N, C-alpha and C. Protein backbone atom coordinates (compact mmCIF):
# COMPACT_ATOMS: atom_id res chain seq x y z
N UNK A 1 19.71 -59.08 -8.07
CA UNK A 1 20.30 -57.87 -8.76
C UNK A 1 20.11 -56.81 -9.16
N UNK A 2 20.81 -55.51 -9.01
CA UNK A 2 20.11 -54.41 -9.36
C UNK A 2 20.24 -54.17 -10.94
N UNK A 3 19.26 -53.66 -11.46
CA UNK A 3 19.44 -53.83 -12.82
C UNK A 3 20.45 -52.95 -13.32
N UNK A 4 21.00 -51.65 -12.67
CA UNK A 4 21.67 -50.58 -12.90
C UNK A 4 22.96 -50.79 -12.80
N UNK A 5 23.76 -51.65 -11.57
CA UNK A 5 24.78 -51.40 -10.73
C UNK A 5 25.46 -52.79 -10.70
N UNK A 6 24.41 -53.67 -10.72
CA UNK A 6 24.47 -55.03 -10.46
C UNK A 6 24.99 -55.81 -9.13
N UNK A 7 24.82 -54.78 -8.28
CA UNK A 7 24.76 -55.41 -6.54
C UNK A 7 23.76 -56.25 -6.52
N UNK A 8 24.01 -57.14 -5.28
CA UNK A 8 22.64 -57.83 -4.83
C UNK A 8 21.84 -57.25 -3.89
N UNK A 9 20.53 -57.22 -4.15
CA UNK A 9 19.46 -56.69 -3.16
C UNK A 9 19.36 -57.36 -2.18
N UNK A 10 19.08 -56.75 -1.21
CA UNK A 10 18.55 -56.97 0.16
C UNK A 10 17.33 -56.35 0.74
N UNK A 11 16.36 -56.79 1.04
CA UNK A 11 15.12 -55.94 1.63
C UNK A 11 15.49 -55.41 3.08
N UNK A 12 15.39 -54.07 3.18
CA UNK A 12 15.41 -53.42 4.16
C UNK A 12 17.16 -53.26 4.53
N UNK A 13 17.94 -53.34 3.53
CA UNK A 13 19.27 -53.03 3.44
C UNK A 13 19.45 -51.82 2.30
N UNK A 14 19.51 -52.49 1.11
CA UNK A 14 19.48 -51.61 0.21
C UNK A 14 18.49 -51.57 -0.93
N UNK A 15 17.36 -51.88 -0.36
CA UNK A 15 16.22 -52.16 -1.46
C UNK A 15 15.05 -51.94 -0.79
N UNK A 16 13.94 -50.88 -1.42
CA UNK A 16 12.98 -50.75 -0.69
C UNK A 16 11.78 -51.47 -0.72
N UNK A 17 11.38 -52.03 0.36
CA UNK A 17 10.36 -53.35 0.43
C UNK A 17 9.46 -53.10 -0.43
N UNK A 18 8.73 -51.90 -0.74
CA UNK A 18 7.67 -51.57 -1.45
C UNK A 18 7.93 -51.84 -2.97
N UNK A 19 9.33 -52.01 -3.29
CA UNK A 19 9.59 -52.37 -4.69
C UNK A 19 9.54 -53.67 -4.94
N UNK A 20 9.58 -54.91 -3.77
CA UNK A 20 9.21 -56.00 -3.90
C UNK A 20 8.07 -56.40 -4.78
N UNK A 21 7.10 -55.68 -4.67
CA UNK A 21 5.66 -55.92 -4.99
C UNK A 21 5.65 -55.34 -6.60
N UNK A 22 6.55 -54.00 -7.17
CA UNK A 22 6.67 -54.01 -8.39
C UNK A 22 7.56 -54.57 -8.99
N UNK A 23 8.38 -55.07 -8.51
CA UNK A 23 9.39 -55.89 -9.39
C UNK A 23 10.50 -55.10 -9.60
N UNK A 24 10.60 -53.98 -9.29
CA UNK A 24 11.49 -53.01 -10.01
C UNK A 24 13.06 -53.17 -9.61
N UNK A 25 13.79 -53.89 -9.83
CA UNK A 25 15.19 -54.21 -9.51
C UNK A 25 16.19 -52.96 -9.48
N UNK A 26 16.07 -52.16 -8.66
CA UNK A 26 16.99 -51.05 -8.53
C UNK A 26 17.16 -50.76 -6.97
N UNK A 27 18.71 -50.51 -6.50
CA UNK A 27 18.91 -50.25 -5.58
C UNK A 27 18.82 -48.96 -4.84
N UNK A 28 18.86 -48.81 -3.73
CA UNK A 28 18.77 -47.30 -3.07
C UNK A 28 19.67 -46.31 -3.77
N UNK A 29 21.00 -46.76 -3.78
CA UNK A 29 22.05 -46.09 -4.09
C UNK A 29 21.63 -45.55 -5.52
N UNK A 30 21.23 -46.43 -6.53
CA UNK A 30 20.75 -46.14 -7.89
C UNK A 30 19.84 -44.97 -7.75
N UNK A 31 18.59 -45.39 -7.08
CA UNK A 31 17.68 -44.77 -7.07
C UNK A 31 18.06 -42.92 -6.48
N UNK A 32 18.59 -42.90 -5.36
CA UNK A 32 19.35 -41.35 -5.07
C UNK A 32 20.26 -41.07 -6.09
N UNK A 33 20.97 -41.57 -6.88
CA UNK A 33 21.61 -41.10 -7.63
C UNK A 33 20.81 -40.71 -8.73
N UNK A 34 19.83 -41.46 -9.27
CA UNK A 34 19.12 -40.89 -10.16
C UNK A 34 18.21 -39.49 -9.73
N UNK A 35 17.72 -39.73 -8.63
CA UNK A 35 17.34 -38.43 -8.03
C UNK A 35 17.93 -37.07 -8.19
N UNK A 36 19.24 -37.27 -7.80
CA UNK A 36 20.20 -35.86 -7.53
C UNK A 36 20.34 -35.69 -9.04
N UNK A 37 20.58 -36.78 -10.20
CA UNK A 37 20.80 -35.88 -11.45
C UNK A 37 19.50 -35.47 -12.09
N UNK A 38 18.20 -36.24 -11.94
CA UNK A 38 17.02 -35.42 -12.30
C UNK A 38 16.70 -33.90 -11.43
N UNK A 39 16.97 -33.93 -10.28
CA UNK A 39 16.91 -32.60 -9.57
C UNK A 39 17.78 -31.25 -10.43
N UNK A 40 19.31 -31.96 -10.53
CA UNK A 40 19.90 -30.78 -11.37
C UNK A 40 19.61 -30.53 -12.49
N UNK A 41 19.14 -31.65 -13.23
CA UNK A 41 18.78 -31.27 -14.78
C UNK A 41 17.50 -30.53 -14.89
N UNK A 42 16.73 -30.83 -14.01
CA UNK A 42 15.62 -29.90 -13.96
C UNK A 42 15.17 -28.85 -12.93
N UNK A 43 16.20 -28.22 -12.61
CA UNK A 43 16.25 -27.63 -11.16
C UNK A 43 15.29 -26.29 -11.52
N UNK A 44 15.21 -25.47 -12.52
CA UNK A 44 14.30 -24.32 -12.67
C UNK A 44 12.58 -24.98 -12.86
N UNK A 45 12.58 -25.96 -13.52
CA UNK A 45 11.37 -26.42 -13.32
C UNK A 45 10.84 -26.69 -12.23
N UNK A 46 11.56 -27.65 -11.32
CA UNK A 46 11.25 -27.98 -9.90
C UNK A 46 10.86 -26.45 -9.07
N UNK A 47 11.67 -25.39 -9.38
CA UNK A 47 11.92 -24.36 -8.56
C UNK A 47 10.32 -23.52 -8.88
N UNK A 48 10.10 -23.47 -10.11
CA UNK A 48 8.74 -22.98 -10.68
C UNK A 48 7.60 -23.80 -10.24
N UNK A 49 7.71 -24.92 -10.35
CA UNK A 49 6.56 -25.71 -9.63
C UNK A 49 6.42 -25.33 -7.85
N UNK A 50 7.46 -25.66 -7.34
CA UNK A 50 7.46 -25.21 -5.92
C UNK A 50 6.86 -23.74 -5.53
N UNK A 51 7.24 -22.65 -6.62
CA UNK A 51 6.78 -21.42 -6.42
C UNK A 51 5.45 -21.49 -6.88
N UNK A 52 4.95 -21.98 -7.78
CA UNK A 52 3.51 -21.75 -8.24
C UNK A 52 2.69 -22.58 -7.09
N UNK A 53 3.11 -23.76 -6.36
CA UNK A 53 2.39 -24.49 -5.36
C UNK A 53 2.46 -23.26 -4.32
N UNK A 54 3.31 -22.98 -3.89
CA UNK A 54 3.29 -21.88 -3.03
C UNK A 54 2.24 -20.95 -2.84
N UNK A 55 2.25 -20.24 -3.94
CA UNK A 55 1.27 -19.38 -4.15
C UNK A 55 -0.36 -19.78 -4.22
N UNK A 56 -0.24 -20.92 -4.81
CA UNK A 56 -1.80 -21.21 -4.94
C UNK A 56 -2.01 -21.92 -3.44
N UNK A 57 -1.40 -22.54 -2.82
CA UNK A 57 -1.63 -22.99 -1.51
C UNK A 57 -1.19 -22.17 -0.20
N UNK A 58 -1.26 -20.89 -0.55
CA UNK A 58 -0.41 -19.97 0.54
C UNK A 58 -1.37 -20.20 2.11
N UNK A 59 -2.44 -19.97 2.05
CA UNK A 59 -3.18 -19.95 3.02
C UNK A 59 -2.78 -21.19 3.71
N UNK A 60 -3.16 -22.44 3.30
CA UNK A 60 -2.86 -23.70 3.85
C UNK A 60 -1.66 -23.92 4.51
N UNK A 61 -0.42 -23.50 3.89
CA UNK A 61 0.85 -23.54 4.23
C UNK A 61 1.15 -22.84 5.24
N UNK A 62 0.71 -21.67 5.54
CA UNK A 62 0.45 -20.77 6.53
C UNK A 62 -0.26 -21.33 7.93
N UNK A 63 -1.49 -21.84 7.63
CA UNK A 63 -1.97 -22.32 8.66
C UNK A 63 -1.48 -23.34 9.37
N UNK A 64 -1.06 -24.22 8.30
CA UNK A 64 -0.11 -25.52 8.81
C UNK A 64 1.20 -25.27 9.74
N UNK A 65 1.98 -24.08 8.88
CA UNK A 65 3.04 -23.55 9.85
C UNK A 65 2.87 -23.19 11.43
N UNK A 66 1.78 -22.42 11.20
CA UNK A 66 1.06 -21.76 12.37
C UNK A 66 1.22 -23.01 13.59
N UNK A 67 -0.03 -23.70 12.96
CA UNK A 67 -0.52 -24.98 13.67
C UNK A 67 1.04 -25.78 14.51
N UNK A 68 1.82 -25.82 13.54
CA UNK A 68 2.86 -26.67 13.77
C UNK A 68 3.72 -25.89 14.70
N UNK A 69 3.89 -24.56 14.88
CA UNK A 69 4.69 -24.09 15.69
C UNK A 69 3.87 -24.07 17.20
N UNK A 70 2.74 -23.76 17.00
CA UNK A 70 1.83 -23.61 18.37
C UNK A 70 2.09 -25.09 19.28
N UNK A 71 2.02 -26.00 18.43
CA UNK A 71 2.25 -27.16 18.83
C UNK A 71 3.33 -27.69 19.59
N UNK A 72 4.32 -27.57 18.71
CA UNK A 72 5.90 -27.59 19.47
C UNK A 72 6.40 -26.27 19.68
N UNK A 73 5.93 -25.07 20.37
CA UNK A 73 6.34 -24.50 20.90
C UNK A 73 7.61 -24.27 21.62
N UNK A 74 7.41 -24.92 22.77
CA UNK A 74 8.71 -25.22 23.84
C UNK A 74 9.78 -26.10 22.91
N UNK A 75 9.40 -27.07 22.36
CA UNK A 75 10.47 -27.93 21.87
C UNK A 75 11.30 -27.24 20.87
N UNK A 76 10.39 -26.48 19.84
CA UNK A 76 11.39 -25.54 18.86
C UNK A 76 12.46 -24.28 19.99
N UNK A 77 11.61 -23.64 20.78
CA UNK A 77 12.45 -22.74 21.40
C UNK A 77 13.67 -23.37 22.11
N UNK A 78 13.54 -24.49 23.01
CA UNK A 78 14.62 -25.36 23.49
C UNK A 78 15.89 -25.81 22.14
N UNK A 79 15.29 -26.22 21.21
CA UNK A 79 16.29 -26.57 20.49
C UNK A 79 16.98 -25.39 19.54
N UNK A 80 16.15 -23.91 19.32
CA UNK A 80 16.95 -22.81 18.90
C UNK A 80 17.82 -22.40 19.62
N UNK A 81 17.30 -22.21 21.21
CA UNK A 81 18.23 -21.99 22.35
C UNK A 81 19.94 -22.78 22.30
N UNK A 82 19.51 -23.98 22.16
CA UNK A 82 20.73 -24.78 22.38
C UNK A 82 21.63 -24.63 21.11
N UNK A 83 20.95 -24.72 19.72
CA UNK A 83 21.69 -24.28 18.33
C UNK A 83 22.59 -23.29 18.51
N UNK A 84 21.88 -21.87 19.01
CA UNK A 84 22.29 -20.48 19.07
C UNK A 84 23.55 -20.89 19.63
N UNK A 85 23.48 -21.36 21.06
CA UNK A 85 24.55 -21.43 22.07
C UNK A 85 25.89 -22.15 21.51
N UNK A 86 25.52 -23.27 20.66
CA UNK A 86 26.50 -23.90 20.27
C UNK A 86 27.07 -23.64 18.94
N UNK A 87 26.59 -22.44 18.41
CA UNK A 87 26.85 -21.86 17.08
C UNK A 87 26.98 -20.53 16.85
N UNK A 88 26.84 -20.01 18.27
CA UNK A 88 26.81 -18.47 18.45
C UNK A 88 27.33 -17.35 17.12
N UNK A 89 28.97 -17.79 17.23
CA UNK A 89 29.83 -16.82 16.54
C UNK A 89 29.12 -17.12 15.07
N UNK A 90 29.16 -18.15 14.25
CA UNK A 90 28.64 -18.53 13.03
C UNK A 90 27.44 -17.84 12.75
N UNK A 91 26.31 -18.09 13.51
CA UNK A 91 24.64 -17.39 13.41
C UNK A 91 24.86 -15.81 13.28
N UNK A 92 25.55 -15.15 14.13
CA UNK A 92 25.98 -13.76 13.97
C UNK A 92 26.40 -13.04 13.11
N UNK A 93 27.62 -13.91 12.47
CA UNK A 93 28.43 -13.49 11.48
C UNK A 93 27.59 -13.88 10.20
N UNK A 94 26.64 -15.01 10.31
CA UNK A 94 25.77 -15.04 9.06
C UNK A 94 24.63 -14.11 8.85
N UNK A 95 24.25 -13.67 9.91
CA UNK A 95 23.27 -12.80 10.34
C UNK A 95 23.71 -11.40 9.51
N UNK A 96 24.86 -11.06 10.02
CA UNK A 96 25.43 -9.77 9.65
C UNK A 96 25.61 -9.61 8.15
N UNK A 97 26.03 -10.63 7.56
CA UNK A 97 26.54 -10.81 6.36
C UNK A 97 25.36 -10.87 5.34
N UNK A 98 24.28 -11.42 5.92
CA UNK A 98 22.73 -11.02 4.99
C UNK A 98 22.46 -10.02 5.14
N UNK A 99 22.52 -8.90 6.11
CA UNK A 99 22.07 -7.94 6.32
C UNK A 99 22.61 -6.99 5.45
N UNK A 100 24.15 -6.88 5.36
CA UNK A 100 25.01 -6.37 4.36
C UNK A 100 24.97 -6.53 3.24
N UNK A 101 24.30 -7.93 2.62
CA UNK A 101 24.28 -7.97 1.26
C UNK A 101 22.69 -7.76 0.75
N UNK A 102 21.70 -7.63 1.67
CA UNK A 102 20.34 -7.36 1.69
C UNK A 102 19.63 -6.34 2.43
N UNK A 103 20.33 -5.11 2.11
CA UNK A 103 19.59 -4.02 2.96
C UNK A 103 18.23 -3.64 2.85
N UNK A 104 17.88 -3.86 1.29
CA UNK A 104 16.46 -3.64 0.83
C UNK A 104 15.53 -4.37 1.63
N UNK A 105 15.52 -6.08 1.48
CA UNK A 105 15.00 -7.00 1.99
C UNK A 105 14.84 -6.67 3.76
N UNK A 106 15.99 -6.26 4.24
CA UNK A 106 15.91 -5.82 5.89
C UNK A 106 15.02 -4.83 5.83
N UNK A 107 15.01 -4.15 5.12
CA UNK A 107 14.13 -2.44 5.42
C UNK A 107 12.82 -3.02 5.25
N UNK A 108 12.51 -3.95 4.44
CA UNK A 108 10.84 -4.05 3.90
C UNK A 108 10.63 -5.30 4.93
N UNK A 109 11.48 -5.77 5.80
CA UNK A 109 10.96 -6.78 6.92
C UNK A 109 10.40 -5.93 8.02
N UNK A 110 11.35 -5.10 8.23
CA UNK A 110 11.38 -3.89 9.30
C UNK A 110 9.87 -3.28 9.11
N UNK A 111 9.74 -2.85 7.92
CA UNK A 111 8.64 -2.18 7.57
C UNK A 111 7.24 -3.11 8.08
N UNK A 112 7.40 -4.56 7.34
CA UNK A 112 6.44 -5.29 7.53
C UNK A 112 6.19 -5.72 9.01
N UNK A 113 7.26 -5.65 10.18
CA UNK A 113 6.97 -5.91 11.48
C UNK A 113 6.78 -4.81 11.99
N UNK A 114 6.76 -3.36 11.66
CA UNK A 114 6.26 -2.38 12.20
C UNK A 114 4.61 -2.16 11.75
N UNK A 115 4.24 -2.66 10.87
CA UNK A 115 2.53 -2.65 10.27
C UNK A 115 2.16 -3.79 11.31
N UNK A 116 2.77 -5.05 11.60
CA UNK A 116 2.13 -5.98 12.42
C UNK A 116 1.94 -5.38 13.69
N UNK A 117 3.20 -4.59 14.51
CA UNK A 117 2.96 -4.23 15.72
C UNK A 117 1.79 -3.36 15.95
N UNK A 118 1.60 -2.27 14.85
CA UNK A 118 0.70 -1.12 15.24
C UNK A 118 -0.66 -1.62 14.60
N UNK A 119 -0.81 -2.94 14.30
CA UNK A 119 -2.05 -3.51 14.08
C UNK A 119 -2.49 -2.39 12.85
N UNK A 120 -2.01 -2.04 12.08
CA UNK A 120 -2.27 -0.93 10.95
C UNK A 120 -3.19 -1.88 9.82
N UNK A 121 -4.00 -1.03 9.15
CA UNK A 121 -4.65 -1.81 8.10
C UNK A 121 -3.57 -1.75 6.90
N UNK A 122 -3.53 -2.63 5.88
CA UNK A 122 -2.71 -3.09 5.11
C UNK A 122 -3.22 -3.45 3.81
N UNK A 123 -2.77 -3.24 2.57
CA UNK A 123 -3.14 -3.08 1.27
C UNK A 123 -1.79 -3.70 0.55
N UNK A 124 -2.15 -4.20 -0.72
CA UNK A 124 -0.88 -4.78 -1.66
C UNK A 124 -0.34 -3.47 -2.11
N UNK A 125 0.80 -3.32 -2.10
CA UNK A 125 1.76 -2.22 -2.40
C UNK A 125 2.60 -2.52 -3.42
N UNK A 126 2.60 -1.68 -4.78
CA UNK A 126 3.12 -1.49 -5.84
C UNK A 126 4.34 -0.70 -5.36
N UNK A 127 5.53 -0.96 -4.81
CA UNK A 127 6.59 0.36 -4.69
C UNK A 127 7.15 0.96 -5.87
N UNK A 128 7.04 0.14 -6.71
CA UNK A 128 7.74 0.43 -7.90
C UNK A 128 7.14 1.69 -8.48
N UNK A 129 5.58 1.43 -8.33
CA UNK A 129 4.61 2.22 -9.22
C UNK A 129 5.03 3.87 -8.12
N UNK A 130 5.20 3.41 -6.63
CA UNK A 130 5.34 4.80 -5.92
C UNK A 130 6.43 5.61 -6.42
N UNK A 131 7.77 4.54 -6.61
CA UNK A 131 8.95 5.57 -6.78
C UNK A 131 8.92 5.84 -8.12
N UNK A 132 8.18 5.51 -9.07
CA UNK A 132 7.58 6.22 -10.25
C UNK A 132 7.01 7.34 -10.27
N UNK A 133 6.07 7.17 -9.29
CA UNK A 133 5.12 8.32 -9.15
C UNK A 133 5.83 9.79 -8.94
N UNK A 134 6.80 9.43 -7.62
CA UNK A 134 7.70 10.59 -7.23
C UNK A 134 9.18 10.96 -8.00
N UNK A 135 9.31 10.15 -9.26
CA UNK A 135 10.36 10.22 -10.14
C UNK A 135 11.54 9.93 -9.40
N UNK A 136 11.71 8.80 -8.31
CA UNK A 136 12.63 8.52 -7.63
C UNK A 136 13.49 9.47 -6.69
N UNK A 137 12.88 10.32 -6.08
CA UNK A 137 13.36 11.52 -5.37
C UNK A 137 12.51 11.54 -4.14
N UNK A 138 13.27 11.99 -3.07
CA UNK A 138 12.63 12.33 -2.01
C UNK A 138 11.75 13.61 -2.23
N UNK A 139 10.78 13.46 -1.49
CA UNK A 139 9.42 14.58 -1.75
C UNK A 139 9.69 15.44 -0.75
N UNK A 140 10.57 15.29 0.20
CA UNK A 140 11.01 16.48 1.18
C UNK A 140 12.04 17.03 0.80
N UNK A 141 13.15 16.66 0.74
CA UNK A 141 14.42 17.33 0.16
C UNK A 141 14.67 17.30 -1.31
N UNK A 142 14.22 16.45 -2.27
CA UNK A 142 14.37 16.19 -3.19
C UNK A 142 15.77 15.27 -3.88
N UNK A 143 16.08 14.84 -2.57
CA UNK A 143 17.40 13.68 -3.07
C UNK A 143 17.09 12.41 -3.60
N UNK A 144 18.10 12.06 -4.41
CA UNK A 144 17.78 11.00 -4.91
C UNK A 144 19.00 9.62 -4.46
N UNK A 145 19.57 9.99 -3.03
CA UNK A 145 20.38 9.21 -2.72
C UNK A 145 19.68 8.24 -1.32
N UNK A 146 19.70 7.15 -1.33
CA UNK A 146 19.49 6.22 0.10
C UNK A 146 17.73 6.33 0.09
N UNK A 147 16.88 6.18 -0.84
CA UNK A 147 15.52 6.35 -0.66
C UNK A 147 14.82 4.94 -0.13
N UNK A 148 13.83 5.27 0.32
CA UNK A 148 13.06 4.27 0.84
C UNK A 148 11.46 5.18 1.01
N UNK A 149 10.67 4.05 1.44
CA UNK A 149 9.16 4.57 1.45
C UNK A 149 8.77 5.17 2.92
N UNK A 150 8.01 5.70 2.82
CA UNK A 150 7.75 6.59 4.49
C UNK A 150 6.10 6.60 4.23
N UNK A 151 5.68 6.27 5.53
CA UNK A 151 4.22 6.63 5.72
C UNK A 151 3.80 8.10 6.21
N UNK A 152 3.31 8.80 5.22
CA UNK A 152 2.76 10.56 5.87
C UNK A 152 2.25 10.43 6.99
N UNK A 153 1.08 9.69 7.08
CA UNK A 153 0.67 9.42 8.49
C UNK A 153 1.22 8.03 9.14
N UNK A 154 1.94 8.23 9.99
CA UNK A 154 2.52 6.90 10.78
C UNK A 154 1.72 5.87 11.24
N UNK A 155 2.33 4.74 10.93
CA UNK A 155 1.40 3.71 11.46
C UNK A 155 1.14 3.73 13.09
N UNK A 156 1.84 4.25 13.79
CA UNK A 156 1.58 4.52 15.02
C UNK A 156 0.48 5.58 15.20
N UNK A 157 0.52 6.33 14.50
CA UNK A 157 -0.69 7.47 14.61
C UNK A 157 -1.72 7.01 13.75
N UNK A 158 -2.20 5.85 13.34
CA UNK A 158 -3.25 5.16 12.98
C UNK A 158 -3.05 5.37 11.25
N UNK A 159 -1.99 5.55 10.77
CA UNK A 159 -1.51 5.85 9.16
C UNK A 159 -1.99 4.03 8.87
N UNK A 160 -2.24 4.11 7.44
CA UNK A 160 -2.43 2.77 7.03
C UNK A 160 -1.09 2.41 5.87
N UNK A 161 -0.97 1.29 5.82
CA UNK A 161 0.21 0.78 5.08
C UNK A 161 -0.50 0.30 3.53
N UNK A 162 -0.74 1.61 2.75
CA UNK A 162 -1.38 1.81 1.35
C UNK A 162 -0.60 2.33 0.73
N UNK A 163 -0.59 2.60 -0.66
CA UNK A 163 -0.15 3.62 -1.86
C UNK A 163 -0.88 4.91 -1.31
N UNK A 164 -1.89 5.10 -1.10
CA UNK A 164 -2.39 6.56 -0.61
C UNK A 164 -1.52 7.15 0.26
N UNK A 165 -0.83 6.32 1.50
CA UNK A 165 -0.47 7.04 2.51
C UNK A 165 1.30 6.59 2.32
N UNK A 166 1.93 6.42 1.19
CA UNK A 166 3.12 6.02 0.87
C UNK A 166 4.05 7.29 0.06
N UNK A 167 5.08 7.71 0.39
CA UNK A 167 5.77 8.73 -0.59
C UNK A 167 7.04 7.90 -0.44
N UNK A 168 7.71 8.51 -1.25
CA UNK A 168 9.40 8.41 -1.32
C UNK A 168 10.05 9.35 -0.43
N UNK A 169 11.00 8.79 0.34
CA UNK A 169 11.72 10.05 1.30
C UNK A 169 13.38 9.10 1.34
N UNK A 170 14.12 10.41 1.37
CA UNK A 170 15.61 9.82 1.50
C UNK A 170 15.79 9.03 3.05
N UNK A 171 16.67 8.78 3.29
CA UNK A 171 16.77 7.69 4.76
C UNK A 171 16.98 8.97 5.64
N UNK A 172 17.45 10.20 5.57
CA UNK A 172 17.86 10.90 6.35
C UNK A 172 16.59 11.83 6.70
N UNK A 173 15.66 12.10 5.75
CA UNK A 173 14.26 12.76 6.08
C UNK A 173 13.52 11.89 6.75
N UNK A 174 13.74 10.45 6.43
CA UNK A 174 12.36 9.64 6.98
C UNK A 174 12.67 9.05 8.45
N UNK A 175 14.34 9.24 8.81
CA UNK A 175 14.69 8.91 10.06
C UNK A 175 14.30 10.63 11.00
N UNK A 176 14.72 11.51 10.29
CA UNK A 176 14.40 12.89 11.15
C UNK A 176 12.42 12.86 11.37
N UNK A 177 11.81 12.60 10.47
CA UNK A 177 10.68 12.47 10.73
C UNK A 177 9.90 11.73 11.58
N UNK A 178 10.54 10.41 11.36
CA UNK A 178 10.32 9.20 12.21
C UNK A 178 8.82 9.20 12.30
N UNK A 179 7.99 9.41 13.30
CA UNK A 179 6.55 9.10 13.88
C UNK A 179 5.83 10.38 14.10
N UNK A 180 6.60 11.55 13.40
CA UNK A 180 6.06 12.78 14.00
C UNK A 180 4.81 13.18 12.65
N UNK A 181 3.79 13.87 13.03
CA UNK A 181 2.75 14.37 12.28
C UNK A 181 3.30 15.21 11.24
N UNK A 182 2.91 15.13 10.06
CA UNK A 182 3.76 15.69 8.94
C UNK A 182 3.80 17.36 9.19
N UNK A 183 2.81 17.97 9.38
CA UNK A 183 2.59 19.45 9.63
C UNK A 183 3.81 20.06 10.64
N UNK A 184 3.51 19.08 11.58
CA UNK A 184 4.76 19.57 13.16
C UNK A 184 6.23 19.63 12.43
N UNK A 185 6.31 18.17 11.83
CA UNK A 185 7.66 17.97 11.32
C UNK A 185 8.19 18.90 10.33
N UNK A 186 7.49 19.67 9.54
CA UNK A 186 7.78 20.46 8.75
C UNK A 186 7.99 22.11 9.09
N UNK A 187 7.16 22.18 10.32
CA UNK A 187 7.65 23.47 10.87
C UNK A 187 8.92 23.62 11.65
N UNK A 188 9.51 22.32 11.97
CA UNK A 188 10.79 22.18 12.70
C UNK A 188 11.98 22.28 11.44
N UNK A 189 11.54 22.09 10.06
CA UNK A 189 12.50 21.99 9.17
C UNK A 189 11.73 23.15 8.13
N UNK A 190 11.95 24.43 8.01
CA UNK A 190 11.51 25.41 7.26
C UNK A 190 11.97 25.06 5.57
N UNK A 191 13.28 24.56 5.56
CA UNK A 191 13.93 24.33 4.19
C UNK A 191 13.11 23.17 3.50
N UNK A 192 12.51 22.55 4.18
CA UNK A 192 11.52 21.63 3.33
C UNK A 192 10.28 22.00 2.90
N UNK A 193 9.82 23.08 3.10
CA UNK A 193 8.14 23.35 2.87
C UNK A 193 8.25 23.55 1.68
N UNK A 194 8.95 23.85 0.76
CA UNK A 194 8.76 24.21 -0.80
C UNK A 194 8.31 22.84 -1.42
N UNK A 195 8.95 21.71 -0.94
CA UNK A 195 8.69 20.25 -1.78
C UNK A 195 7.44 19.92 -0.91
N UNK A 196 7.37 20.17 0.17
CA UNK A 196 5.94 19.42 0.68
C UNK A 196 4.62 20.09 0.28
N UNK A 197 4.42 21.45 0.25
CA UNK A 197 3.32 22.32 -0.19
C UNK A 197 2.81 21.96 -1.27
């Protein structure tokens, strides 16, 4: 009998075989209920532990994930394709909702992708420090609206993703500059020369 709920215990049905050796008479349902209750009561502690573990074992986790994906590449692609076909509308709606709710994360993801594609040298960047350095204003036009980071020397032109090559720019100036060399771009925008000189 389960010492928690009193139900009859049957090995392989509602009782773990390994528990026979330990003689801990608790059924699977009671163990699951305890696990759910424990996770709810210690949610923050568990999250902190997982976060710390990921930070301490980052390289191992990345290596395992890469190896797993390489070994099961076709299987994963087939599953993803089938899932997408069956849930296309739901997936598209979820992606759009996430993009609208997290524009900063999307921009950062796109920036990291561009860095990888350009095979640029990367350093750890403290974005907040850069915004403070430029007083949270576009270095080109002075605007304080829709700010983002801009690579002075474009990644496609051999620039590095480092604090020394990053400035704050508004979305309009950053899009206008795109991957142009700064000096050439400034020549096409005489109204901005005061700010960049």
